[in-house]
């Protein structure tokens, strides 16, 4: 199941257009904030798919039965680019447990190719829980697939929600091949159909991690 939020006109598209805008990208604080706001919108949309239970609450003037989330999800993200997006999700699922996965692209010396290296995971058990994993860019899909495999070693979720700001057709295809047997939903802002030779999404927005936190030294 794929939900592409950018297909419908909403304030979401304003935030997404600002993320893509090369001139506005010079303001890293604005870039991070827009990722966070997009995460909040994704959280609201995903919340409609969760299970709810009837809960009796006490107001200053009486008792009232209301539907509340039955169990908080586990929020996972891929370091480092996913942190602002994760924060947006956490703003709404404020009682959720968090998980963090460190994977990175290890480029060859001539930068004509790369492998994905798994480095670290910190996560609670995800068995029979709703797992929401966020990563701004789903390019080749290699990093996300490696992250999910690491998380699934902690248990089998009841359902997995993958949140990406932008995705490529190639990345989506890889995700489907790797986890066709899983209960998985992809939430994406927009789908772009091209990748550069270095596996960056076109037209995309560039390197989300560098734009949010500054250029990294790959040496």
Protein backbone atom coordinates (compact mmCIF):
# COMPACT_ATOMS: atom_id res chain seq x y z
CA UNK A 1 0.00 0.00 0.00
CA UNK A 2 1.39 3.41 -1.01
CA UNK A 3 0.04 6.80 0.08
CA UNK A 4 1.49 9.76 -1.84
CA UNK A 5 0.46 12.85 0.14
CA UNK A 6 1.73 15.36 -2.41
CA UNK A 7 -0.89 14.28 -4.96
CA UNK A 8 -3.55 16.28 -3.11
CA UNK A 9 -3.35 20.03 -2.54
CA UNK A 10 -2.62 20.85 1.09
CA UNK A 11 -0.14 22.79 3.21
CA UNK A 12 2.05 19.68 2.91
CA UNK A 13 2.96 20.75 -0.64
CA UNK A 14 4.10 24.16 0.60
CA UNK A 15 6.54 22.55 3.03
CA UNK A 16 7.72 20.09 0.36
CA UNK A 17 8.30 22.84 -2.20
CA UNK A 18 10.42 24.76 0.33
CA UNK A 19 12.51 21.64 0.99
CA UNK A 20 13.19 21.29 -2.74
CA UNK A 21 13.90 25.02 -3.35
CA UNK A 22 17.66 25.47 -3.82
CA UNK A 23 17.58 29.07 -2.61
CA UNK A 24 15.66 28.31 0.57
CA UNK A 25 17.89 25.31 1.35
CA UNK A 26 20.63 27.71 2.48
CA UNK A 27 18.65 28.17 5.70
CA UNK A 28 19.37 24.87 7.48
CA UNK A 29 17.08 25.72 10.40
CA UNK A 30 14.16 26.24 8.01
CA UNK A 31 15.05 22.98 6.25
CA UNK A 32 15.00 21.06 9.54
CA UNK A 33 11.75 22.69 10.61
CA UNK A 34 10.04 21.81 7.34
CA UNK A 35 11.13 18.18 7.74
CA UNK A 36 9.68 18.27 11.24
CA UNK A 37 6.37 19.76 10.07
CA UNK A 38 6.11 17.17 7.31
CA UNK A 39 6.70 14.50 9.96
CA UNK A 40 3.79 15.90 11.96
CA UNK A 41 1.48 15.67 8.93
CA UNK A 42 2.56 12.08 8.29
CA UNK A 43 1.88 11.29 11.95
CA UNK A 44 -1.66 12.66 11.70
CA UNK A 45 -2.38 10.61 8.57
CA UNK A 46 -0.89 7.40 9.99
CA UNK A 47 -2.87 7.87 13.22
CA UNK A 48 -6.05 7.22 11.25
CA UNK A 49 -4.85 3.66 10.57
CA UNK A 50 -4.08 2.67 14.16
CA UNK A 51 -6.28 0.77 16.59
CA UNK A 52 -8.36 2.73 19.09
CA UNK A 53 -10.03 1.79 22.35
CA UNK A 54 -12.87 3.43 24.22
CA UNK A 55 -11.56 5.27 27.27
CA UNK A 56 -13.58 6.92 30.03
CA UNK A 57 -12.24 10.30 31.05
CA UNK A 58 -13.28 12.76 33.69
CA UNK A 59 -13.89 16.37 32.67
CA UNK A 60 -14.42 19.20 35.19
CA UNK A 61 -18.18 18.75 34.62
CA UNK A 62 -18.69 15.02 34.19
CA UNK A 63 -17.63 11.73 32.63
CA UNK A 64 -17.11 11.09 28.92
CA UNK A 65 -16.20 8.07 26.77
CA UNK A 66 -13.68 8.84 24.02
CA UNK A 67 -11.64 6.79 21.57
CA UNK A 68 -7.88 6.88 22.21
CA UNK A 69 -4.92 5.04 20.67
CA UNK A 70 -4.81 1.51 22.04
CA UNK A 71 -1.03 1.15 21.95
CA UNK A 72 1.65 3.66 21.08
CA UNK A 73 3.81 2.76 18.07
CA UNK A 74 7.57 2.35 17.96
CA UNK A 75 9.16 5.25 16.06
CA UNK A 76 12.39 4.34 14.27
CA UNK A 77 14.63 6.51 12.14
CA UNK A 78 17.76 6.24 10.04
CA UNK A 79 20.62 8.41 11.30
CA UNK A 80 21.41 11.21 10.71
CA UNK A 81 19.10 12.65 8.06
CA UNK A 82 15.99 11.16 9.63
CA UNK A 83 16.25 13.01 12.95
CA UNK A 84 14.08 16.09 12.11
CA UNK A 85 11.45 13.88 10.44
CA UNK A 86 11.50 11.60 13.48
CA UNK A 87 11.00 14.60 15.76
CA UNK A 88 7.87 15.58 13.84
CA UNK A 89 6.42 12.11 14.30
CA UNK A 90 7.41 12.16 17.97
CA UNK A 91 5.67 15.51 18.48
CA UNK A 92 2.36 13.76 17.80
CA UNK A 93 3.12 10.23 19.07
CA UNK A 94 4.63 11.75 22.19
CA UNK A 95 4.37 8.59 24.31
CA UNK A 96 5.99 6.34 21.71
CA UNK A 97 9.21 4.39 22.16
CA UNK A 98 12.05 5.33 19.79
CA UNK A 99 14.57 3.30 17.82
CA UNK A 100 17.66 4.51 15.96
CA UNK A 101 19.56 2.77 13.18
CA UNK A 102 22.91 3.87 11.79
CA UNK A 103 23.59 2.83 8.20
CA UNK A 104 25.66 4.69 5.65
CA UNK A 105 26.87 4.64 2.08
CA UNK A 106 30.48 3.54 1.80
CA UNK A 107 31.67 4.96 -1.52
CA UNK A 108 34.55 3.53 -3.54
CA UNK A 109 37.63 5.72 -3.96
CA UNK A 110 36.50 6.97 -7.37
CA UNK A 111 32.90 7.39 -6.04
CA UNK A 112 31.52 5.40 -8.97
CA UNK A 113 29.83 2.95 -6.64
CA UNK A 114 29.04 2.27 -3.00
CA UNK A 115 27.99 -0.36 -0.54
CA UNK A 116 25.64 0.16 2.39
CA UNK A 117 27.22 -0.45 5.77
CA UNK A 118 25.20 -1.23 8.90
CA UNK A 119 26.85 0.27 11.98
CA UNK A 120 24.54 0.45 15.00
CA UNK A 121 21.00 -0.08 16.29
CA UNK A 122 19.28 0.98 19.51
CA UNK A 123 15.71 -0.27 19.66
CA UNK A 124 13.03 -1.75 21.90
CA UNK A 125 11.27 -4.98 21.04
CA UNK A 126 8.88 -4.47 18.12
CA UNK A 127 7.04 -7.79 18.32
CA UNK A 128 3.33 -7.34 17.45
CA UNK A 129 3.62 -3.54 17.67
CA UNK A 130 3.11 -0.88 15.01
CA UNK A 131 6.51 0.19 13.70
CA UNK A 132 6.92 3.58 12.00
CA UNK A 133 10.32 4.08 10.39
CA UNK A 134 11.30 7.42 8.85
CA UNK A 135 14.02 8.26 6.34
CA UNK A 136 13.71 11.41 4.19
CA UNK A 137 14.99 9.86 0.95
CA UNK A 138 14.18 6.43 -0.48
CA UNK A 139 16.70 6.35 -3.36
CA UNK A 140 18.06 2.88 -4.13
CA UNK A 141 16.29 1.48 -1.05
CA UNK A 142 19.45 -0.23 0.23
CA UNK A 143 19.74 1.76 3.47
CA UNK A 144 16.09 1.35 4.35
CA UNK A 145 16.09 -2.38 3.61
CA UNK A 146 19.18 -2.84 5.81
CA UNK A 147 17.56 -0.82 8.60
CA UNK A 148 14.33 -2.80 8.51
CA UNK A 149 16.18 -6.13 8.53
CA UNK A 150 18.02 -5.00 11.67
CA UNK A 151 14.76 -3.91 13.32
CA UNK A 152 12.99 -7.15 12.42
CA UNK A 153 15.62 -9.01 14.42
CA UNK A 154 13.91 -7.37 17.44
CA UNK A 155 10.62 -9.07 16.52
CA UNK A 156 7.87 -9.08 13.93
CA UNK A 157 5.73 -5.92 14.00
CA UNK A 158 1.97 -6.05 13.66
CA UNK A 159 2.40 -3.54 10.84
CA UNK A 160 5.24 -1.44 9.44
CA UNK A 161 4.72 2.14 8.23
CA UNK A 162 7.59 3.54 6.16
CA UNK A 163 7.73 7.35 6.00
CA UNK A 164 9.78 9.07 3.27
CA UNK A 165 9.63 12.63 2.00
CA UNK A 166 10.77 11.60 -1.48
CA UNK A 167 11.12 8.21 -3.13
CA UNK A 168 12.32 6.84 -6.44
CA UNK A 169 10.63 4.14 -8.47
CA UNK A 170 13.76 2.00 -8.04
CA UNK A 171 13.73 2.35 -4.27
CA UNK A 172 10.05 1.45 -4.03
CA UNK A 173 10.61 -1.62 -6.20
CA UNK A 174 13.46 -2.80 -3.97
CA UNK A 175 11.35 -2.31 -0.85
CA UNK A 176 8.56 -4.38 -2.38
CA UNK A 177 10.93 -7.19 -3.39
CA UNK A 178 12.55 -7.36 0.02
CA UNK A 179 9.38 -7.31 2.12
CA UNK A 180 6.55 -8.52 -0.07
CA UNK A 181 5.70 -10.96 2.74
CA UNK A 182 5.38 -8.23 5.37
CA UNK A 183 2.43 -6.05 6.36
CA UNK A 184 3.95 -2.79 5.17
CA UNK A 185 2.61 0.61 4.10
CA UNK A 186 4.68 3.31 2.40
CA UNK A 187 3.89 6.95 3.14
CA UNK A 188 5.65 9.31 0.75
CA UNK A 189 5.48 12.99 -0.15
CA UNK A 190 6.31 12.54 -3.84
CA UNK A 191 7.74 9.90 -6.16
CA UNK A 192 10.51 10.93 -8.59
CA UNK A 193 11.44 8.56 -11.39
CA UNK A 194 15.19 9.14 -11.86
CA UNK A 195 18.45 8.50 -10.01
CA UNK A 196 21.85 10.00 -10.80
CA UNK A 197 24.97 7.87 -11.30
CA UNK A 198 25.68 8.43 -7.58
CA UNK A 199 22.14 7.30 -6.68
CA UNK A 200 20.66 10.68 -5.79
CA UNK A 201 16.98 11.23 -6.57
CA UNK A 202 16.20 13.56 -9.52
CA UNK A 203 14.82 16.20 -9.30
CA UNK A 204 14.87 15.34 -5.58
CA UNK A 205 16.30 17.91 -3.20
CA UNK A 206 19.95 16.95 -2.69
CA UNK A 207 21.54 15.41 0.39
CA UNK A 208 18.99 15.78 3.21
CA UNK A 209 21.54 15.06 5.93
CA UNK A 210 23.97 17.72 4.68
CA UNK A 211 21.21 20.27 4.22
CA UNK A 212 19.91 19.69 7.74
CA UNK A 213 23.19 19.40 9.65
CA UNK A 214 26.05 20.56 7.41
CA UNK A 215 28.44 18.82 5.05
CA UNK A 216 30.15 15.74 6.44
CA UNK A 217 33.74 14.67 5.98
CA UNK A 218 33.63 11.32 4.19
CA UNK A 219 37.38 10.76 4.53
